[in-house]
Amino acid sequence: MRIDPKTIESVAKELYIRALKILPPDVKRGFDTLAAKETGPTAQNILGTMIRNIAVAEATDNLLCQDTGIPIYNVTIGRGVEFGGGDGTALKAATTLVTAAVASTYPAMRDPKNRTTASRTTA
């Protein structure tokens, strides 16, 4: 079976956007558990702000306020599956598209050194 690299690019793009907008339920429960056990006023305030930010971002279909880090794709390929050159080109293209779209929409995602849209991406 051959998978079109554009299909891989499209799916990877959607998964990356989802990762930037939605936290898994276990992570949100972890925040709630931390907030319930935290006794320090400053830490309680920070955790409360983080929990509210998560809720607002998800309710408004916005990016979560987080360190975006480096996108890592864990891909499992079945037997007899062919896609592109197998060199990650489609995944890199998806990452570049999302990064450019996010940078043009959210100024905080721009390169802080020269205030232009960040063009260097890693996949």
PDB file of N, CA and C in Angstrom:
ATOM      1  N   MET A   1       0.850  -1.177   0.000  1.00  0.00           N
ATOM      2  CA  MET A   1       0.000   0.000   0.000  1.00  0.00           C
ATOM      3  C   MET A   1       0.893   1.237   0.000  1.00  0.00           C
ATOM      4  N   ARG A   2       0.545   2.185  -0.834  1.00  0.00           N
ATOM      5  CA  ARG A   2       1.293   3.443  -0.905  1.00  0.00           C
ATOM      6  C   ARG A   2       0.423   4.561  -0.352  1.00  0.00           C
ATOM      7  N   ILE A   3       0.986   5.346   0.533  1.00  0.00           N
ATOM      8  CA  ILE A   3       0.275   6.483   1.116  1.00  0.00           C
ATOM      9  C   ILE A   3       0.867   7.755   0.528  1.00  0.00           C
ATOM     10  N   ASP A   4       0.001   8.587   0.000  1.00  0.00           N
ATOM     11  CA  ASP A   4       0.414   9.852  -0.598  1.00  0.00           C
ATOM     12  C   ASP A   4       1.033  10.748   0.476  1.00  0.00           C
ATOM     13  N   PRO A   5       2.213  11.302   0.223  1.00  0.00           N
ATOM     14  CA  PRO A   5       2.836  12.201   1.196  1.00  0.00           C
ATOM     15  C   PRO A   5       1.941  13.380   1.598  1.00  0.00           C
ATOM     16  N   LYS A   6       1.084  13.845   0.687  1.00  0.00           N
ATOM     17  CA  LYS A   6       0.171  14.956   1.026  1.00  0.00           C
ATOM     18  C   LYS A   6      -0.833  14.521   2.098  1.00  0.00           C
ATOM     19  N   THR A   7      -1.221  13.250   2.090  1.00  0.00           N
ATOM     20  CA  THR A   7      -2.120  12.730   3.126  1.00  0.00           C
ATOM     21  C   THR A   7      -1.404  12.729   4.472  1.00  0.00           C
ATOM     22  N   ILE A   8      -0.161  12.284   4.469  1.00  0.00           N
ATOM     23  CA  ILE A   8       0.642  12.281   5.706  1.00  0.00           C
ATOM     24  C   ILE A   8       0.799  13.712   6.208  1.00  0.00           C
ATOM     25  N   GLU A   9       1.095  14.631   5.306  1.00  0.00           N
ATOM     26  CA  GLU A   9       1.256  16.037   5.666  1.00  0.00           C
ATOM     27  C   GLU A   9      -0.024  16.591   6.288  1.00  0.00           C
ATOM     28  N   SER A  10      -1.155  16.300   5.679  1.00  0.00           N
ATOM     29  CA  SER A  10      -2.440  16.804   6.168  1.00  0.00           C
ATOM     30  C   SER A  10      -2.778  16.254   7.555  1.00  0.00           C
ATOM     31  N   VAL A  11      -2.596  14.960   7.736  1.00  0.00           N
ATOM     32  CA  VAL A  11      -2.899  14.339   9.032  1.00  0.00           C
ATOM     33  C   VAL A  11      -1.938  14.850  10.102  1.00  0.00           C
ATOM     34  N   ALA A  12      -0.661  14.940   9.770  1.00  0.00           N
ATOM     35  CA  ALA A  12       0.329  15.430  10.736  1.00  0.00           C
ATOM     36  C   ALA A  12       0.024  16.871  11.138  1.00  0.00           C
ATOM     37  N   LYS A  13      -0.394  17.676  10.179  1.00  0.00           N
ATOM     38  CA  LYS A  13      -0.752  19.074  10.462  1.00  0.00           C
ATOM     39  C   LYS A  13      -1.913  19.136  11.449  1.00  0.00           C
ATOM     40  N   GLU A  14      -2.953  18.354  11.216  1.00  0.00           N
ATOM     41  CA  GLU A  14      -4.113  18.342  12.111  1.00  0.00           C
ATOM     42  C   GLU A  14      -3.743  17.847  13.507  1.00  0.00           C
ATOM     43  N   LEU A  15      -2.898  16.823  13.588  1.00  0.00           N
ATOM     44  CA  LEU A  15      -2.484  16.305  14.892  1.00  0.00           C
ATOM     45  C   LEU A  15      -1.655  17.335  15.656  1.00  0.00           C
ATOM     46  N   TYR A  16      -0.792  18.049  14.951  1.00  0.00           N
ATOM     47  CA  TYR A  16       0.035  19.065  15.592  1.00  0.00           C
ATOM     48  C   TYR A  16      -0.838  20.199  16.128  1.00  0.00           C
ATOM     49  N   ILE A  17      -1.813  20.638  15.332  1.00  0.00           N
ATOM     50  CA  ILE A  17      -2.724  21.697  15.790  1.00  0.00           C
ATOM     51  C   ILE A  17      -3.498  21.220  17.012  1.00  0.00           C
ATOM     52  N   ARG A  18      -3.986  19.983  16.985  1.00  0.00           N
ATOM     53  CA  ARG A  18      -4.718  19.438  18.130  1.00  0.00           C
ATOM     54  C   ARG A  18      -3.826  19.429  19.378  1.00  0.00           C
ATOM     55  N   ALA A  19      -2.562  19.054  19.204  1.00  0.00           N
ATOM     56  CA  ALA A  19      -1.642  19.021  20.346  1.00  0.00           C
ATOM     57  C   ALA A  19      -1.396  20.408  20.924  1.00  0.00           C
ATOM     58  N   LEU A  20      -1.477  21.439  20.090  1.00  0.00           N
ATOM     59  CA  LEU A  20      -1.277  22.805  20.562  1.00  0.00           C
ATOM     60  C   LEU A  20      -2.526  23.389  21.225  1.00  0.00           C
ATOM     61  N   LYS A  21      -3.682  22.737  21.011  1.00  0.00           N
ATOM     62  CA  LYS A  21      -4.940  23.294  21.504  1.00  0.00           C
ATOM     63  C   LYS A  21      -5.627  22.476  22.590  1.00  0.00           C
ATOM     64  N   ILE A  22      -5.323  21.203  22.693  1.00  0.00           N
ATOM     65  CA  ILE A  22      -6.067  20.344  23.625  1.00  0.00           C
ATOM     66  C   ILE A  22      -5.109  19.554  24.502  1.00  0.00           C
ATOM     67  N   LEU A  23      -5.315  19.661  25.803  1.00  0.00           N
ATOM     68  CA  LEU A  23      -4.552  18.833  26.734  1.00  0.00           C
ATOM     69  C   LEU A  23      -5.312  17.533  26.976  1.00  0.00           C
ATOM     70  N   PRO A  24      -4.609  16.426  27.080  1.00  0.00           N
ATOM     71  CA  PRO A  24      -5.281  15.159  27.380  1.00  0.00           C
ATOM     72  C   PRO A  24      -5.961  15.225  28.756  1.00  0.00           C
ATOM     73  N   PRO A  25      -7.070  14.497  28.917  1.00  0.00           N
ATOM     74  CA  PRO A  25      -7.808  14.518  30.184  1.00  0.00           C
ATOM     75  C   PRO A  25      -6.955  14.164  31.407  1.00  0.00           C
ATOM     76  N   ASP A  26      -6.022  13.220  31.264  1.00  0.00           N
ATOM     77  CA  ASP A  26      -5.198  12.847  32.415  1.00  0.00           C
ATOM     78  C   ASP A  26      -4.297  13.992  32.856  1.00  0.00           C
ATOM     79  N   VAL A  27      -3.850  14.814  31.918  1.00  0.00           N
ATOM     80  CA  VAL A  27      -3.011  15.964  32.274  1.00  0.00           C
ATOM     81  C   VAL A  27      -3.853  17.007  33.008  1.00  0.00           C
ATOM     82  N   LYS A  28      -5.080  17.240  32.524  1.00  0.00           N
ATOM     83  CA  LYS A  28      -5.967  18.197  33.204  1.00  0.00           C
ATOM     84  C   LYS A  28      -6.324  17.703  34.607  1.00  0.00           C
ATOM     85  N   ARG A  29      -6.569  16.395  34.747  1.00  0.00           N
ATOM     86  CA  ARG A  29      -6.834  15.845  36.089  1.00  0.00           C
ATOM     87  C   ARG A  29      -5.613  16.029  36.986  1.00  0.00           C
ATOM     88  N   GLY A  30      -4.431  15.902  36.403  1.00  0.00           N
ATOM     89  CA  GLY A  30      -3.201  16.112  37.172  1.00  0.00           C
ATOM     90  C   GLY A  30      -3.100  17.541  37.702  1.00  0.00           C
ATOM     91  N   PHE A  31      -3.475  18.509  36.878  1.00  0.00           N
ATOM     92  CA  PHE A  31      -3.497  19.901  37.336  1.00  0.00           C
ATOM     93  C   PHE A  31      -4.482  20.069  38.488  1.00  0.00           C
ATOM     94  N   ASP A  32      -5.676  19.469  38.345  1.00  0.00           N
ATOM     95  CA  ASP A  32      -6.684  19.562  39.406  1.00  0.00           C
ATOM     96  C   ASP A  32      -6.185  18.924  40.700  1.00  0.00           C
ATOM     97  N   THR A  33      -5.515  17.786  40.582  1.00  0.00           N
ATOM     98  CA  THR A  33      -4.961  17.108  41.765  1.00  0.00           C
ATOM     99  C   THR A  33      -3.899  17.974  42.432  1.00  0.00           C
ATOM    100  N   LEU A  34      -3.023  18.546  41.629  1.00  0.00           N
ATOM    101  CA  LEU A  34      -1.990  19.437  42.174  1.00  0.00           C
ATOM    102  C   LEU A  34      -2.622  20.630  42.886  1.00  0.00           C
ATOM    103  N   ALA A  35      -3.606  21.230  42.248  1.00  0.00           N
ATOM    104  CA  ALA A  35      -4.258  22.410  42.830  1.00  0.00           C
ATOM    105  C   ALA A  35      -4.935  22.065  44.147  1.00  0.00           C
ATOM    106  N   ALA A  36      -5.532  20.882  44.229  1.00  0.00           N
ATOM    107  CA  ALA A  36      -6.229  20.475  45.455  1.00  0.00           C
ATOM    108  C   ALA A  36      -5.257  20.215  46.607  1.00  0.00           C
ATOM    109  N   LYS A  37      -4.048  19.776  46.285  1.00  0.00           N
ATOM    110  CA  LYS A  37      -3.070  19.431  47.324  1.00  0.00           C
ATOM    111  C   LYS A  37      -2.113  20.571  47.671  1.00  0.00           C
ATOM    112  N   GLU A  38      -2.022  21.553  46.792  1.00  0.00           N
ATOM    113  CA  GLU A  38      -1.061  22.637  47.001  1.00  0.00           C
ATOM    114  C   GLU A  38      -1.484  23.504  48.178  1.00  0.00           C
ATOM    115  N   THR A  39      -0.518  23.841  49.041  1.00  0.00           N
ATOM    116  CA  THR A  39      -0.813  24.655  50.222  1.00  0.00           C
ATOM    117  C   THR A  39      -0.221  26.061  50.132  1.00  0.00           C
ATOM    118  N   GLY A  40       0.750  26.251  49.269  1.00  0.00           N
ATOM    119  CA  GLY A  40       1.377  27.577  49.147  1.00  0.00           C
ATOM    120  C   GLY A  40       0.494  28.532  48.377  1.00  0.00           C
ATOM    121  N   PRO A  41       0.248  29.731  48.920  1.00  0.00           N
ATOM    122  CA  PRO A  41      -0.631  30.694  48.252  1.00  0.00           C
ATOM    123  C   PRO A  41      -0.170  31.085  46.843  1.00  0.00           C
ATOM    124  N   THR A  42       1.121  31.300  46.675  1.00  0.00           N
ATOM    125  CA  THR A  42       1.619  31.687  45.351  1.00  0.00           C
ATOM    126  C   THR A  42       1.425  30.547  44.352  1.00  0.00           C
ATOM    127  N   ALA A  43       1.776  29.341  44.773  1.00  0.00           N
ATOM    128  CA  ALA A  43       1.613  28.181  43.890  1.00  0.00           C
ATOM    129  C   ALA A  43       0.138  27.933  43.585  1.00  0.00           C
ATOM    130  N   GLN A  44      -0.742  28.117  44.581  1.00  0.00           N
ATOM    131  CA  GLN A  44      -2.181  27.955  44.354  1.00  0.00           C
ATOM    132  C   GLN A  44      -2.665  28.949  43.299  1.00  0.00           C
ATOM    133  N   ASN A  45      -2.193  30.189  43.405  1.00  0.00           N
ATOM    134  CA  ASN A  45      -2.573  31.224  42.457  1.00  0.00           C
ATOM    135  C   ASN A  45      -2.099  30.884  41.043  1.00  0.00           C
ATOM    136  N   ILE A  46      -0.859  30.444  40.929  1.00  0.00           N
ATOM    137  CA  ILE A  46      -0.298  30.102  39.615  1.00  0.00           C
ATOM    138  C   ILE A  46      -1.046  28.915  39.013  1.00  0.00           C
ATOM    139  N   LEU A  47      -1.272  27.878  39.805  1.00  0.00           N
ATOM    140  CA  LEU A  47      -2.008  26.713  39.305  1.00  0.00           C
ATOM    141  C   LEU A  47      -3.428  27.098  38.885  1.00  0.00           C
ATOM    142  N   GLY A  48      -4.073  27.945  39.664  1.00  0.00           N
ATOM    143  CA  GLY A  48      -5.417  28.403  39.316  1.00  0.00           C
ATOM    144  C   GLY A  48      -5.437  29.140  37.993  1.00  0.00           C
ATOM    145  N   THR A  49      -4.427  29.987  37.793  1.00  0.00           N
ATOM    146  CA  THR A  49      -4.319  30.722  36.535  1.00  0.00           C
ATOM    147  C   THR A  49      -4.093  29.758  35.367  1.00  0.00           C
ATOM    148  N   MET A  50      -3.233  28.774  35.566  1.00  0.00           N
ATOM    149  CA  MET A  50      -2.962  27.799  34.511  1.00  0.00           C
ATOM    150  C   MET A  50      -4.230  27.018  34.155  1.00  0.00           C
ATOM    151  N   ILE A  51      -4.979  26.598  35.160  1.00  0.00           N
ATOM    152  CA  ILE A  51      -6.209  25.831  34.930  1.00  0.00           C
ATOM    153  C   ILE A  51      -7.240  26.685  34.192  1.00  0.00           C
ATOM    154  N   ARG A  52      -7.365  27.946  34.581  1.00  0.00           N
ATOM    155  CA  ARG A  52      -8.296  28.851  33.884  1.00  0.00           C
ATOM    156  C   ARG A  52      -7.851  29.081  32.438  1.00  0.00           C
ATOM    157  N   ASN A  53      -6.551  29.247  32.226  1.00  0.00           N
ATOM    158  CA  ASN A  53      -6.036  29.450  30.866  1.00  0.00           C
ATOM    159  C   ASN A  53      -6.327  28.254  29.969  1.00  0.00           C
ATOM    160  N   ILE A  54      -6.192  27.062  30.516  1.00  0.00           N
ATOM    161  CA  ILE A  54      -6.496  25.848  29.755  1.00  0.00           C
ATOM    162  C   ILE A  54      -7.966  25.844  29.352  1.00  0.00           C
ATOM    163  N   ALA A  55      -8.836  26.140  30.306  1.00  0.00           N
ATOM    164  CA  ALA A  55     -10.284  26.144  30.032  1.00  0.00           C
ATOM    165  C   ALA A  55     -10.646  27.199  28.986  1.00  0.00           C
ATOM    166  N   VAL A  56     -10.072  28.387  29.107  1.00  0.00           N
ATOM    167  CA  VAL A  56     -10.367  29.463  28.156  1.00  0.00           C
ATOM    168  C   VAL A  56      -9.852  29.094  26.764  1.00  0.00           C
ATOM    169  N   ALA A  57      -8.633  28.582  26.682  1.00  0.00           N
ATOM    170  CA  ALA A  57      -8.062  28.211  25.382  1.00  0.00           C
ATOM    171  C   ALA A  57      -8.919  27.149  24.696  1.00  0.00           C
ATOM    172  N   GLU A  58      -9.346  26.158  25.449  1.00  0.00           N
ATOM    173  CA  GLU A  58     -10.161  25.103  24.845  1.00  0.00           C
ATOM    174  C   GLU A  58     -11.550  25.612  24.483  1.00  0.00           C
ATOM    175  N   ALA A  59     -12.129  26.469  25.306  1.00  0.00           N
ATOM    176  CA  ALA A  59     -13.472  26.992  25.024  1.00  0.00           C
ATOM    177  C   ALA A  59     -13.481  27.912  23.802  1.00  0.00           C
ATOM    178  N   THR A  60     -12.360  28.585  23.552  1.00  0.00           N
ATOM    179  CA  THR A  60     -12.293  29.528  22.435  1.00  0.00           C
ATOM    180  C   THR A  60     -11.524  28.967  21.238  1.00  0.00           C
ATOM    181  N   ASP A  61     -11.190  27.666  21.284  1.00  0.00           N
ATOM    182  CA  ASP A  61     -10.448  27.007  20.206  1.00  0.00           C
ATOM    183  C   ASP A  61      -9.149  27.750  19.916  1.00  0.00           C
ATOM    184  N   ASN A  62      -8.446  28.074  20.993  1.00  0.00           N
ATOM    185  CA  ASN A  62      -7.221  28.845  20.905  1.00  0.00           C
ATOM    186  C   ASN A  62      -6.047  27.979  21.317  1.00  0.00           C
ATOM    187  N   LEU A  63      -4.840  28.468  21.095  1.00  0.00           N
ATOM    188  CA  LEU A  63      -3.655  27.743  21.532  1.00  0.00           C
ATOM    189  C   LEU A  63      -3.531  27.795  23.043  1.00  0.00           C
ATOM    190  N   LEU A  64      -3.048  26.701  23.600  1.00  0.00           N
ATOM    191  CA  LEU A  64      -2.762  26.680  25.028  1.00  0.00           C
ATOM    192  C   LEU A  64      -1.495  27.482  25.269  1.00  0.00           C
ATOM    193  N   CYS A  65      -1.449  28.170  26.382  1.00  0.00           N
ATOM    194  CA  CYS A  65      -0.254  28.924  26.742  1.00  0.00           C
ATOM    195  C   CYS A  65       0.735  27.920  27.313  1.00  0.00           C
ATOM    196  N   GLN A  66       1.725  27.571  26.536  1.00  0.00           N
ATOM    197  CA  GLN A  66       2.685  26.559  26.962  1.00  0.00           C
ATOM    198  C   GLN A  66       3.974  26.706  26.179  1.00  0.00           C
ATOM    199  N   ASP A  67       4.989  26.052  26.650  1.00  0.00           N
ATOM    200  CA  ASP A  67       6.222  25.959  25.902  1.00  0.00           C
ATOM    201  C   ASP A  67       5.958  24.937  24.803  1.00  0.00           C
ATOM    202  N   THR A  68       5.976  25.370  23.557  1.00  0.00           N
ATOM    203  CA  THR A  68       5.643  24.458  22.470  1.00  0.00           C
ATOM    204  C   THR A  68       6.726  23.422  22.219  1.00  0.00           C
ATOM    205  N   GLY A  69       7.943  23.689  22.684  1.00  0.00           N
ATOM    206  CA  GLY A  69       9.003  22.700  22.543  1.00  0.00           C
ATOM    207  C   GLY A  69       9.276  22.344  21.095  1.00  0.00           C
ATOM    208  N   ILE A  70       9.712  21.127  20.902  1.00  0.00           N
ATOM    209  CA  ILE A  70      10.033  20.633  19.572  1.00  0.00           C
ATOM    210  C   ILE A  70       9.011  19.565  19.204  1.00  0.00           C
ATOM    211  N   PRO A  71       8.325  19.710  18.078  1.00  0.00           N
ATOM    212  CA  PRO A  71       7.355  18.688  17.701  1.00  0.00           C
ATOM    213  C   PRO A  71       8.044  17.356  17.430  1.00  0.00           C
ATOM    214  N   ILE A  72       7.536  16.316  18.030  1.00  0.00           N
ATOM    215  CA  ILE A  72       8.058  14.968  17.822  1.00  0.00           C
ATOM    216  C   ILE A  72       6.903  14.094  17.376  1.00  0.00           C
ATOM    217  N   TYR A  73       7.068  13.436  16.253  1.00  0.00           N
ATOM    218  CA  TYR A  73       6.054  12.522  15.747  1.00  0.00           C
ATOM    219  C   TYR A  73       6.555  11.097  15.959  1.00  0.00           C
ATOM    220  N   ASN A  74       5.789  10.283  16.651  1.00  0.00           N
ATOM    221  CA  ASN A  74       6.080   8.864  16.774  1.00  0.00           C
ATOM    222  C   ASN A  74       5.206   8.146  15.765  1.00  0.00           C
ATOM    223  N   VAL A  75       5.831   7.585  14.752  1.00  0.00           N
ATOM    224  CA  VAL A  75       5.099   6.979  13.652  1.00  0.00           C
ATOM    225  C   VAL A  75       5.381   5.486  13.609  1.00  0.00           C
ATOM    226  N   THR A  76       4.323   4.700  13.569  1.00  0.00           N
ATOM    227  CA  THR A  76       4.447   3.253  13.416  1.00  0.00           C
ATOM    228  C   THR A  76       3.937   2.895  12.031  1.00  0.00           C
ATOM    229  N   ILE A  77       4.758   2.232  11.271  1.00  0.00           N
ATOM    230  CA  ILE A  77       4.420   1.878   9.903  1.00  0.00           C
ATOM    231  C   ILE A  77       4.227   0.367   9.824  1.00  0.00           C
ATOM    232  N   GLY A  78       3.123  -0.032   9.241  1.00  0.00           N
ATOM    233  CA  GLY A  78       2.864  -1.462   9.059  1.00  0.00           C
ATOM    234  C   GLY A  78       3.677  -2.036   7.918  1.00  0.00           C
ATOM    235  N   ARG A  79       3.602  -3.337   7.778  1.00  0.00           N
ATOM    236  CA  ARG A  79       4.324  -4.018   6.702  1.00  0.00           C
ATOM    237  C   ARG A  79       3.727  -3.645   5.354  1.00  0.00           C
ATOM    238  N   GLY A  80       4.597  -3.496   4.391  1.00  0.00           N
ATOM    239  CA  GLY A  80       4.156  -3.250   3.034  1.00  0.00           C
ATOM    240  C   GLY A  80       3.612  -1.854   2.781  1.00  0.00           C
ATOM    241  N   VAL A  81       3.851  -0.938   3.708  1.00  0.00           N
ATOM    242  CA  VAL A  81       3.360   0.430   3.534  1.00  0.00           C
ATOM    243  C   VAL A  81       4.506   1.293   3.017  1.00  0.00           C
ATOM    244  N   GLU A  82       4.220   2.019   1.968  1.00  0.00           N
ATOM    245  CA  GLU A  82       5.206   2.936   1.401  1.00  0.00           C
ATOM    246  C   GLU A  82       4.653   4.351   1.471  1.00  0.00           C
ATOM    247  N   PHE A  83       5.518   5.284   1.802  1.00  0.00           N
ATOM    248  CA  PHE A  83       5.100   6.685   1.800  1.00  0.00           C
ATOM    249  C   PHE A  83       6.290   7.560   1.490  1.00  0.00           C
ATOM    250  N   GLY A  84       6.154   8.352   0.462  1.00  0.00           N
ATOM    251  CA  GLY A  84       7.214   9.278   0.087  1.00  0.00           C
ATOM    252  C   GLY A  84       8.568   8.600   0.068  1.00  0.00           C
ATOM    253  N   GLY A  85       9.571   9.336   0.480  1.00  0.00           N
ATOM    254  CA  GLY A  85      10.909   8.785   0.551  1.00  0.00           C
ATOM    255  C   GLY A  85      11.201   8.196   1.915  1.00  0.00           C
ATOM    256  N   GLY A  86      10.229   8.261   2.825  1.00  0.00           N
ATOM    257  CA  GLY A  86      10.451   7.742   4.169  1.00  0.00           C
ATOM    258  C   GLY A  86      11.430   8.572   4.975  1.00  0.00           C
ATOM    259  N   ASP A  87      11.698   9.791   4.499  1.00  0.00           N
ATOM    260  CA  ASP A  87      12.698  10.631   5.158  1.00  0.00           C
ATOM    261  C   ASP A  87      12.085  11.718   6.055  1.00  0.00           C
ATOM    262  N   GLY A  88      10.785  11.665   6.246  1.00  0.00           N
ATOM    263  CA  GLY A  88      10.139  12.648   7.106  1.00  0.00           C
ATOM    264  C   GLY A  88       9.788  13.953   6.425  1.00  0.00           C
ATOM    265  N   THR A  89       9.944  14.032   5.116  1.00  0.00           N
ATOM    266  CA  THR A  89       9.673  15.270   4.390  1.00  0.00           C
ATOM    267  C   THR A  89       8.244  15.759   4.605  1.00  0.00           C
ATOM    268  N   ALA A  90       7.278  14.838   4.552  1.00  0.00           N
ATOM    269  CA  ALA A  90       5.871  15.242   4.729  1.00  0.00           C
ATOM    270  C   ALA A  90       5.628  15.758   6.143  1.00  0.00           C
ATOM    271  N   LEU A  91       6.273  15.139   7.141  1.00  0.00           N
ATOM    272  CA  LEU A  91       6.111  15.606   8.524  1.00  0.00           C
ATOM    273  C   LEU A  91       6.756  16.978   8.710  1.00  0.00           C
ATOM    274  N   LYS A  92       7.904  17.175   8.103  1.00  0.00           N
ATOM    275  CA  LYS A  92       8.564  18.482   8.178  1.00  0.00           C
ATOM    276  C   LYS A  92       7.706  19.554   7.507  1.00  0.00           C
ATOM    277  N   ALA A  93       7.103  19.206   6.381  1.00  0.00           N
ATOM    278  CA  ALA A  93       6.249  20.163   5.676  1.00  0.00           C
ATOM    279  C   ALA A  93       5.048  20.539   6.536  1.00  0.00           C
ATOM    280  N   ALA A  94       4.441  19.549   7.200  1.00  0.00           N
ATOM    281  CA  ALA A  94       3.290  19.825   8.076  1.00  0.00           C
ATOM    282  C   ALA A  94       3.694  20.743   9.215  1.00  0.00           C
ATOM    283  N   THR A  95       4.834  20.475   9.823  1.00  0.00           N
ATOM    284  CA  THR A  95       5.316  21.296  10.926  1.00  0.00           C
ATOM    285  C   THR A  95       5.573  22.729  10.462  1.00  0.00           C
ATOM    286  N   THR A  96       6.159  22.877   9.298  1.00  0.00           N
ATOM    287  CA  THR A  96       6.429  24.199   8.746  1.00  0.00           C
ATOM    288  C   THR A  96       5.128  24.958   8.499  1.00  0.00           C
ATOM    289  N   LEU A  97       4.123  24.279   7.927  1.00  0.00           N
ATOM    290  CA  LEU A  97       2.833  24.929   7.670  1.00  0.00           C
ATOM    291  C   LEU A  97       2.172  25.407   8.957  1.00  0.00           C
ATOM    292  N   VAL A  98       2.157  24.553   9.977  1.00  0.00           N
ATOM    293  CA  VAL A  98       1.513  24.924  11.241  1.00  0.00           C
ATOM    294  C   VAL A  98       2.285  26.054  11.908  1.00  0.00           C
ATOM    295  N   THR A  99       3.602  25.951  11.939  1.00  0.00           N
ATOM    296  CA  THR A  99       4.410  26.983  12.583  1.00  0.00           C
ATOM    297  C   THR A  99       4.190  28.339  11.899  1.00  0.00           C
ATOM    298  N   ALA A 100       4.164  28.343  10.580  1.00  0.00           N
ATOM    299  CA  ALA A 100       3.940  29.602   9.852  1.00  0.00           C
ATOM    300  C   ALA A 100       2.544  30.153  10.134  1.00  0.00           C
ATOM    301  N   ALA A 101       1.542  29.281  10.147  1.00  0.00           N
ATOM    302  CA  ALA A 101       0.168  29.731  10.410  1.00  0.00           C
ATOM    303  C   ALA A 101       0.032  30.276  11.821  1.00  0.00           C
ATOM    304  N   VAL A 102       0.633  29.594  12.781  1.00  0.00           N
ATOM    305  CA  VAL A 102       0.562  30.032  14.170  1.00  0.00           C
ATOM    306  C   VAL A 102       1.306  31.356  14.333  1.00  0.00           C
ATOM    307  N   ALA A 103       2.464  31.470  13.717  1.00  0.00           N
ATOM    308  CA  ALA A 103       3.259  32.692  13.842  1.00  0.00           C
ATOM    309  C   ALA A 103       2.540  33.896  13.247  1.00  0.00           C
ATOM    310  N   SER A 104       1.797  33.685  12.165  1.00  0.00           N
ATOM    311  CA  SER A 104       1.098  34.817  11.563  1.00  0.00           C
ATOM    312  C   SER A 104      -0.141  35.216  12.366  1.00  0.00           C
ATOM    313  N   THR A 105      -0.694  34.264  13.114  1.00  0.00           N
ATOM    314  CA  THR A 105      -1.900  34.530  13.898  1.00  0.00           C
ATOM    315  C   THR A 105      -1.580  34.986  15.316  1.00  0.00           C
ATOM    316  N   TYR A 106      -0.517  34.413  15.893  1.00  0.00           N
ATOM    317  CA  TYR A 106      -0.158  34.687  17.281  1.00  0.00           C
ATOM    318  C   TYR A 106       1.232  35.303  17.343  1.00  0.00           C
ATOM    319  N   PRO A 107       1.323  36.622  17.532  1.00  0.00           N
ATOM    320  CA  PRO A 107       2.616  37.314  17.520  1.00  0.00           C
ATOM    321  C   PRO A 107       3.643  36.744  18.492  1.00  0.00           C
ATOM    322  N   ALA A 108       3.208  36.133  19.570  1.00  0.00           N
ATOM    323  CA  ALA A 108       4.159  35.579  20.539  1.00  0.00           C
ATOM    324  C   ALA A 108       4.970  34.445  19.946  1.00  0.00           C
ATOM    325  N   MET A 109       4.523  33.874  18.837  1.00  0.00           N
ATOM    326  CA  MET A 109       5.237  32.770  18.207  1.00  0.00           C
ATOM    327  C   MET A 109       6.255  33.264  17.182  1.00  0.00           C
ATOM    328  N   ARG A 110       6.516  34.557  17.166  1.00  0.00           N
ATOM    329  CA  ARG A 110       7.495  35.093  16.230  1.00  0.00           C
ATOM    330  C   ARG A 110       8.873  35.045  16.855  1.00  0.00           C
ATOM    331  N   ASP A 111       9.870  35.082  16.008  1.00  0.00           N
ATOM    332  CA  ASP A 111      11.250  35.035  16.461  1.00  0.00           C
ATOM    333  C   ASP A 111      11.545  36.280  17.291  1.00  0.00           C
ATOM    334  N   PRO A 112      11.868  36.122  18.588  1.00  0.00           N
ATOM    335  CA  PRO A 112      12.079  37.290  19.447  1.00  0.00           C
ATOM    336  C   PRO A 112      13.322  38.098  19.094  1.00  0.00           C
ATOM    337  N   LYS A 113      14.282  37.511  18.372  1.00  0.00           N
ATOM    338  CA  LYS A 113      15.503  38.234  18.037  1.00  0.00           C
ATOM    339  C   LYS A 113      15.268  39.290  16.967  1.00  0.00           C
ATOM    340  N   ASN A 114      14.480  38.946  15.957  1.00  0.00           N
ATOM    341  CA  ASN A 114      14.282  39.926  14.899  1.00  0.00           C
ATOM    342  C   ASN A 114      12.813  40.249  14.655  1.00  0.00           C
ATOM    343  N   ARG A 115      11.932  39.697  15.475  1.00  0.00           N
ATOM    344  CA  ARG A 115      10.502  39.988  15.415  1.00  0.00           C
ATOM    345  C   ARG A 115       9.885  39.693  14.052  1.00  0.00           C
ATOM    346  N   THR A 116      10.477  38.754  13.333  1.00  0.00           N
ATOM    347  CA  THR A 116       9.865  38.305  12.096  1.00  0.00           C
ATOM    348  C   THR A 116       9.339  36.898  12.330  1.00  0.00           C
ATOM    349  N   THR A 117       8.509  36.443  11.454  1.00  0.00           N
ATOM    350  CA  THR A 117       7.941  35.110  11.620  1.00  0.00           C
ATOM    351  C   THR A 117       9.066  34.095  11.663  1.00  0.00           C
ATOM    352  N   ALA A 118       9.042  33.265  12.682  1.00  0.00           N
ATOM    353  CA  ALA A 118      10.062  32.224  12.817  1.00  0.00           C
ATOM    354  C   ALA A 118       9.978  31.293  11.617  1.00  0.00           C
ATOM    355  N   SER A 119      11.102  31.052  10.983  1.00  0.00           N
ATOM    356  CA  SER A 119      11.071  30.200   9.796  1.00  0.00           C
ATOM    357  C   SER A 119      11.790  28.879  10.024  1.00  0.00           C
ATOM    358  N   ARG A 120      12.478  28.740  11.115  1.00  0.00           N
ATOM    359  CA  ARG A 120      13.215  27.505  11.380  1.00  0.00           C
ATOM    360  C   ARG A 120      12.320  26.552  12.161  1.00  0.00           C
ATOM    361  N   THR A 121      12.099  25.381  11.615  1.00  0.00           N
ATOM    362  CA  THR A 121      11.265  24.396  12.281  1.00  0.00           C
ATOM    363  C   THR A 121      11.997  23.073  12.353  1.00  0.00           C
ATOM    364  N   THR A 122      11.558  22.230  13.248  1.00  0.00           N
ATOM    365  CA  THR A 122      12.129  20.913  13.407  1.00  0.00           C
ATOM    366  C   THR A 122      10.990  19.920  13.448  1.00  0.00           C
ATOM    367  N   ALA A 123      11.148  18.822  12.804  1.00  0.00           N
ATOM    368  CA  ALA A 123      10.130  17.766  12.861  1.00  0.00           C
ATOM    369  C   ALA A 123      10.774  16.459  13.210  1.00  0.00           C
TER     370      ALA A 123
END
